[in-house]
Amino acid sequence: MSNRKKYALFFVVLAVAAVAAGYSFWSNSIQSSQVEGESVETVQDDSKIIFFYGQECPHCKIVEEYFRKNNVSEKIEFSQKEVYHNKPNANFMLEKARACGLDEKKLGVPLLWTEDGCYIGDKDIVSYFDGQLKK
């Protein structure tokens, strides 16, 4: 085997090892953050309507665009919680979803929690706000 092939093989093995180590670290950090009994920062929010979204979520962006075009935040009082990069908000969303009886294994964003129930997906959330704006 030529030296060139040996170097190429070495770098491929090194890259695979680096990826495997990174995945292992990420996987362990996710699991350790979900250990029972761990103290978790809680979120206090007394809003009657809470919109949960993810920063990179394409369906969330549809709802956010609807909010902008219709000046929803100026007409309806509600809070917004980003859950992809904010663990306390993500835990708060789980708490609200459980209160609605939603299966957390099938949970995603966008999710809207109201005192009357939960709405999942851009279409249901936009429909909810359309109804509220018509009142």
Protein backbone atom coordinates (compact mmCIF):
# COMPACT_ATOMS: atom_id res chain seq x y z
CA MET A 1 0.00 0.00 0.00
CA SER A 2 1.40 3.39 -0.93
CA ASN A 3 2.09 6.07 1.66
CA ARG A 4 -0.64 8.22 0.15
CA LYS A 5 -3.25 5.50 0.70
CA LYS A 6 -1.99 4.89 4.23
CA TYR A 7 -2.40 8.60 5.08
CA ALA A 8 -5.85 8.68 3.54
CA LEU A 9 -6.90 5.58 5.48
CA PHE A 10 -5.45 7.06 8.69
CA PHE A 11 -7.47 10.29 8.28
CA VAL A 12 -10.68 8.40 7.50
CA VAL A 13 -10.25 6.27 10.66
CA LEU A 14 -9.44 9.41 12.67
CA ALA A 15 -12.54 11.21 11.34
CA VAL A 16 -14.80 8.24 12.14
CA ALA A 17 -13.37 8.06 15.66
CA ALA A 18 -13.93 11.80 16.19
CA VAL A 19 -17.54 11.57 15.02
CA ALA A 20 -18.18 8.54 17.25
CA ALA A 21 -16.66 10.28 20.27
CA GLY A 22 -18.71 13.41 19.62
CA TYR A 23 -21.94 11.42 19.30
CA SER A 24 -21.17 9.50 22.48
CA PHE A 25 -20.55 12.73 24.40
CA TRP A 26 -23.75 14.33 23.02
CA SER A 27 -25.83 11.23 23.76
CA ASN A 28 -24.55 10.97 27.33
CA SER A 29 -25.15 14.66 28.00
CA ILE A 30 -28.76 14.37 26.78
CA GLN A 31 -29.37 11.29 28.94
CA SER A 32 -27.74 12.80 32.02
CA SER A 33 -29.88 15.91 31.66
CA GLN A 34 -33.01 13.74 31.85
CA VAL A 35 -32.15 11.90 35.06
CA GLU A 36 -35.02 11.71 37.54
CA GLY A 37 -34.57 13.79 40.63
CA GLU A 38 -32.32 16.28 38.89
CA SER A 39 -33.08 19.82 39.85
CA VAL A 40 -34.57 21.52 36.84
CA GLU A 41 -35.00 25.25 36.50
CA THR A 42 -38.69 26.01 36.30
CA VAL A 43 -40.50 28.61 34.27
CA GLN A 44 -43.26 30.73 35.77
CA ASP A 45 -45.75 32.08 33.27
CA ASP A 46 -49.33 33.00 34.17
CA SER A 47 -50.30 33.75 30.57
CA LYS A 48 -53.60 32.33 29.39
CA ILE A 49 -52.09 31.62 25.97
CA ILE A 50 -48.54 30.36 25.40
CA PHE A 51 -46.94 29.74 22.00
CA PHE A 52 -44.07 27.21 22.07
CA TYR A 53 -41.73 27.25 19.08
CA GLY A 54 -38.29 26.20 17.90
CA GLN A 55 -35.90 28.72 16.44
CA GLU A 56 -35.15 26.61 13.34
CA CYS A 57 -38.65 25.11 12.99
CA PRO A 58 -40.14 25.83 9.52
CA HIS A 59 -43.75 25.38 10.67
CA CYS A 60 -43.11 27.77 13.56
CA LYS A 61 -41.87 30.36 11.08
CA ILE A 62 -45.23 30.11 9.25
CA VAL A 63 -47.04 30.94 12.50
CA GLU A 64 -44.59 33.74 13.32
CA GLU A 65 -45.13 35.25 9.86
CA TYR A 66 -48.90 35.08 10.45
CA PHE A 67 -48.36 36.91 13.76
CA ARG A 68 -46.39 39.66 11.97
CA LYS A 69 -48.80 40.09 9.05
CA ASN A 70 -51.83 40.28 11.33
CA ASN A 71 -50.27 42.23 14.23
CA VAL A 72 -51.46 39.46 16.52
CA SER A 73 -49.26 40.43 19.47
CA GLU A 74 -50.84 43.90 19.47
CA LYS A 75 -54.37 42.47 19.53
CA ILE A 76 -54.11 39.34 21.68
CA GLU A 77 -52.06 38.92 24.84
CA PHE A 78 -49.91 35.77 24.78
CA SER A 79 -46.38 34.72 25.60
CA GLN A 80 -43.84 32.96 23.41
CA LYS A 81 -41.33 30.34 24.56
CA GLU A 82 -38.43 29.05 22.45
CA VAL A 83 -37.82 25.37 23.28
CA TYR A 84 -34.97 24.14 21.03
CA HIS A 85 -32.29 26.14 22.84
CA ASN A 86 -33.91 26.66 26.22
CA LYS A 87 -34.27 23.57 28.42
CA PRO A 88 -36.47 25.22 31.09
CA ASN A 89 -38.90 26.30 28.35
CA ALA A 90 -38.83 22.79 26.86
CA ASN A 91 -39.65 21.29 30.27
CA PHE A 92 -42.42 23.86 30.71
CA MET A 93 -43.86 22.85 27.32
CA LEU A 94 -43.85 19.20 28.44
CA GLU A 95 -45.71 20.18 31.59
CA LYS A 96 -48.37 22.06 29.60
CA ALA A 97 -48.65 19.24 27.04
CA ARG A 98 -49.19 16.69 29.80
CA ALA A 99 -51.94 18.91 31.21
CA CYS A 100 -53.63 18.64 27.80
CA GLY A 101 -53.23 14.86 27.79
CA LEU A 102 -50.81 14.86 24.87
CA ASP A 103 -48.39 11.98 24.34
CA GLU A 104 -44.97 13.53 24.91
CA LYS A 105 -43.35 10.98 22.56
CA LYS A 106 -45.35 12.48 19.69
CA LEU A 107 -44.91 16.06 20.82
CA GLY A 108 -43.46 18.75 18.59
CA VAL A 109 -43.61 22.41 17.77
CA PRO A 110 -45.30 24.64 17.06
CA LEU A 111 -47.54 24.05 20.04
CA LEU A 112 -50.07 26.46 21.47
CA TRP A 113 -51.30 26.04 25.03
CA THR A 114 -54.47 27.81 26.10
CA GLU A 115 -56.63 27.47 29.17
CA ASP A 116 -59.08 25.56 26.96
CA GLY A 117 -56.60 23.09 25.43
CA CYS A 118 -53.60 22.59 23.18
CA TYR A 119 -53.16 23.09 19.45
CA ILE A 120 -50.34 21.47 17.50
CA GLY A 121 -49.16 22.52 14.06
CA ASP A 122 -49.21 25.73 12.09
CA LYS A 123 -52.68 25.25 10.60
CA ASP A 124 -54.45 24.62 13.91
CA ILE A 125 -52.63 27.49 15.61
CA VAL A 126 -53.37 29.96 12.81
CA SER A 127 -57.01 28.82 12.83
CA TYR A 128 -57.19 29.39 16.60
CA PHE A 129 -55.85 32.94 16.28
CA ASP A 130 -58.12 33.66 13.29
CA GLY A 131 -61.07 32.79 15.53
CA GLN A 132 -59.77 34.95 18.35
CA LEU A 133 -59.20 37.93 16.04
CA LYS A 134 -62.79 37.70 14.77
CA LYS A 135 -64.22 38.04 18.29
